[in-house]
N, C-alpha and C. Protein backbone atom coordinates (compact mmCIF):
# COMPACT_ATOMS: atom_id res chain seq x y z
N MET A 1 9.37 -8.11 -7.75
CA MET A 1 9.91 -7.24 -6.72
C MET A 1 9.02 -7.36 -5.49
N GLY A 2 9.59 -7.70 -4.36
CA GLY A 2 8.84 -7.80 -3.13
C GLY A 2 8.73 -6.46 -2.42
N LEU A 3 7.61 -6.23 -1.83
CA LEU A 3 7.38 -5.02 -1.04
C LEU A 3 7.34 -5.42 0.43
N SER A 4 7.88 -4.58 1.27
CA SER A 4 7.96 -4.88 2.69
C SER A 4 6.92 -4.08 3.46
N VAL A 5 6.18 -4.75 4.34
CA VAL A 5 5.15 -4.09 5.14
C VAL A 5 5.82 -3.26 6.24
N GLU A 6 5.51 -1.95 6.26
CA GLU A 6 5.98 -1.07 7.33
C GLU A 6 4.90 -0.95 8.41
N ILE A 7 3.65 -0.81 7.96
CA ILE A 7 2.50 -0.68 8.88
C ILE A 7 1.32 -1.39 8.24
N CYS A 8 0.54 -2.09 9.05
CA CYS A 8 -0.72 -2.68 8.61
C CYS A 8 -1.81 -2.06 9.49
N GLU A 9 -2.59 -1.16 8.91
CA GLU A 9 -3.61 -0.42 9.66
C GLU A 9 -4.98 -1.02 9.35
N HIS A 10 -5.49 -1.84 10.25
CA HIS A 10 -6.76 -2.53 10.04
C HIS A 10 -7.89 -1.68 10.62
N LEU A 11 -8.83 -1.29 9.76
CA LEU A 11 -9.93 -0.42 10.17
C LEU A 11 -11.27 -1.07 9.85
N GLY A 12 -11.57 -2.15 10.50
CA GLY A 12 -12.84 -2.84 10.26
C GLY A 12 -12.83 -3.55 8.93
N GLY A 13 -13.63 -3.08 7.96
CA GLY A 13 -13.77 -3.74 6.67
C GLY A 13 -12.69 -3.39 5.67
N VAL A 14 -11.78 -2.51 6.04
CA VAL A 14 -10.72 -2.11 5.12
C VAL A 14 -9.38 -2.12 5.86
N CYS A 15 -8.31 -2.35 5.12
CA CYS A 15 -6.98 -2.37 5.70
C CYS A 15 -6.07 -1.53 4.82
N TYR A 16 -5.26 -0.69 5.44
CA TYR A 16 -4.27 0.10 4.71
C TYR A 16 -2.90 -0.48 5.00
N LEU A 17 -2.20 -0.83 3.92
CA LEU A 17 -0.84 -1.34 4.03
C LEU A 17 0.12 -0.25 3.61
N TYR A 18 1.05 0.07 4.47
CA TYR A 18 2.10 1.03 4.16
C TYR A 18 3.32 0.20 3.83
N LEU A 19 3.74 0.27 2.57
CA LEU A 19 4.78 -0.61 2.05
C LEU A 19 6.00 0.17 1.62
N SER A 20 7.14 -0.50 1.57
CA SER A 20 8.35 0.10 1.02
C SER A 20 8.94 -0.85 -0.01
N THR A 21 9.54 -0.25 -1.05
CA THR A 21 10.19 -1.03 -2.09
C THR A 21 11.66 -1.23 -1.73
N PRO A 22 12.34 -2.14 -2.40
CA PRO A 22 13.77 -2.33 -2.12
C PRO A 22 14.61 -1.06 -2.38
N THR A 23 14.10 -0.16 -3.23
CA THR A 23 14.84 1.07 -3.53
C THR A 23 14.39 2.27 -2.69
N GLY A 24 13.48 2.02 -1.73
CA GLY A 24 13.11 3.06 -0.77
C GLY A 24 11.82 3.82 -1.03
N GLU A 25 11.18 3.62 -2.18
CA GLU A 25 9.89 4.28 -2.42
C GLU A 25 8.85 3.72 -1.47
N ARG A 26 7.85 4.55 -1.17
CA ARG A 26 6.77 4.12 -0.28
C ARG A 26 5.47 4.03 -1.07
N LEU A 27 4.64 3.12 -0.67
CA LEU A 27 3.38 2.85 -1.34
C LEU A 27 2.33 2.58 -0.28
N VAL A 28 1.14 3.16 -0.45
CA VAL A 28 0.02 2.88 0.45
C VAL A 28 -1.04 2.16 -0.36
N VAL A 29 -1.49 1.02 0.15
CA VAL A 29 -2.46 0.19 -0.56
C VAL A 29 -3.67 -0.01 0.33
N GLU A 30 -4.86 0.22 -0.23
CA GLU A 30 -6.11 -0.11 0.48
C GLU A 30 -6.55 -1.48 0.01
N THR A 31 -6.84 -2.34 0.96
CA THR A 31 -7.27 -3.69 0.63
C THR A 31 -8.46 -4.08 1.49
N ARG A 32 -9.19 -5.06 1.03
CA ARG A 32 -10.32 -5.59 1.80
C ARG A 32 -9.92 -6.85 2.56
N ALA A 33 -8.66 -7.19 2.51
CA ALA A 33 -8.18 -8.40 3.19
C ALA A 33 -8.40 -8.30 4.69
N GLU A 34 -8.70 -9.40 5.30
CA GLU A 34 -8.93 -9.42 6.74
C GLU A 34 -7.68 -9.82 7.52
N ASP A 35 -6.65 -10.27 6.81
CA ASP A 35 -5.42 -10.67 7.48
C ASP A 35 -4.65 -9.44 7.94
N ILE A 36 -4.12 -9.50 9.15
CA ILE A 36 -3.23 -8.45 9.65
C ILE A 36 -1.82 -8.95 9.42
N LEU A 37 -1.08 -8.23 8.60
CA LEU A 37 0.26 -8.65 8.23
C LEU A 37 1.29 -8.07 9.20
N PRO A 38 2.28 -8.84 9.58
CA PRO A 38 3.30 -8.34 10.50
C PRO A 38 4.27 -7.40 9.81
N VAL A 39 4.84 -6.47 10.56
CA VAL A 39 5.86 -5.57 10.04
C VAL A 39 7.01 -6.42 9.50
N GLY A 40 7.49 -6.06 8.31
CA GLY A 40 8.58 -6.79 7.69
C GLY A 40 8.14 -7.88 6.74
N ALA A 41 6.84 -8.23 6.74
CA ALA A 41 6.35 -9.26 5.82
C ALA A 41 6.56 -8.80 4.38
N GLU A 42 6.89 -9.73 3.51
CA GLU A 42 7.06 -9.44 2.10
C GLU A 42 5.74 -9.72 1.37
N VAL A 43 5.30 -8.78 0.54
CA VAL A 43 4.05 -8.95 -0.21
C VAL A 43 4.26 -8.57 -1.66
N ALA A 44 3.38 -9.04 -2.51
CA ALA A 44 3.32 -8.65 -3.91
C ALA A 44 2.01 -7.90 -4.11
N VAL A 45 1.99 -6.95 -5.01
CA VAL A 45 0.80 -6.12 -5.23
C VAL A 45 0.41 -6.18 -6.70
N SER A 46 -0.88 -6.33 -6.94
CA SER A 46 -1.43 -6.19 -8.29
C SER A 46 -2.71 -5.37 -8.16
N PHE A 47 -3.09 -4.69 -9.23
CA PHE A 47 -4.27 -3.83 -9.17
C PHE A 47 -4.87 -3.64 -10.55
N GLU A 48 -6.13 -3.21 -10.55
CA GLU A 48 -6.80 -2.86 -11.80
C GLU A 48 -6.44 -1.42 -12.13
N ASP A 49 -5.84 -1.21 -13.28
CA ASP A 49 -5.35 0.10 -13.68
C ASP A 49 -6.43 1.18 -13.58
N LYS A 50 -7.65 0.85 -13.96
CA LYS A 50 -8.74 1.84 -13.95
C LYS A 50 -9.11 2.30 -12.54
N LYS A 51 -8.81 1.49 -11.53
CA LYS A 51 -9.19 1.82 -10.16
C LYS A 51 -8.05 2.45 -9.35
N ALA A 52 -6.85 2.51 -9.92
CA ALA A 52 -5.70 3.04 -9.19
C ALA A 52 -5.77 4.57 -9.10
N LEU A 53 -5.37 5.09 -7.96
CA LEU A 53 -5.27 6.53 -7.74
C LEU A 53 -3.81 6.86 -7.48
N PHE A 54 -3.34 7.96 -8.05
CA PHE A 54 -1.97 8.38 -7.88
C PHE A 54 -1.93 9.79 -7.33
N PHE A 55 -0.98 10.06 -6.42
CA PHE A 55 -0.88 11.36 -5.77
C PHE A 55 0.53 11.91 -5.91
N ASP A 56 0.64 13.23 -6.01
CA ASP A 56 1.93 13.90 -6.05
C ASP A 56 2.57 13.80 -4.66
N VAL A 57 3.82 13.38 -4.61
CA VAL A 57 4.50 13.17 -3.33
C VAL A 57 4.71 14.48 -2.57
N ILE A 58 4.85 15.60 -3.27
CA ILE A 58 5.10 16.88 -2.61
C ILE A 58 3.80 17.59 -2.23
N THR A 59 2.90 17.75 -3.20
CA THR A 59 1.67 18.51 -2.94
C THR A 59 0.56 17.65 -2.36
N GLU A 60 0.68 16.34 -2.49
CA GLU A 60 -0.33 15.38 -2.07
C GLU A 60 -1.63 15.52 -2.86
N GLN A 61 -1.58 16.25 -3.96
CA GLN A 61 -2.74 16.40 -4.83
C GLN A 61 -2.90 15.12 -5.66
N ARG A 62 -4.14 14.75 -5.90
CA ARG A 62 -4.43 13.57 -6.71
C ARG A 62 -4.07 13.86 -8.16
N LEU A 63 -3.29 12.97 -8.76
CA LEU A 63 -2.89 13.11 -10.17
C LEU A 63 -3.87 12.39 -11.08
N ARG A 64 -4.43 11.30 -10.60
CA ARG A 64 -5.40 10.53 -11.37
C ARG A 64 -6.23 9.71 -10.43
């Protein structure tokens, strides 16, 4: 499943990618990549389960 870049926020040594799925869910990913991706670029995401953080969409409280 490809994710589409909505915003690429480059902040020095870290970059936040605001992504959308084909079904409309949104995902924010922190990466150390130095590439600035254009809006609309398709990306794939993988992560280490132990390092992932999840937040409640309504309360914005961290779930894990």
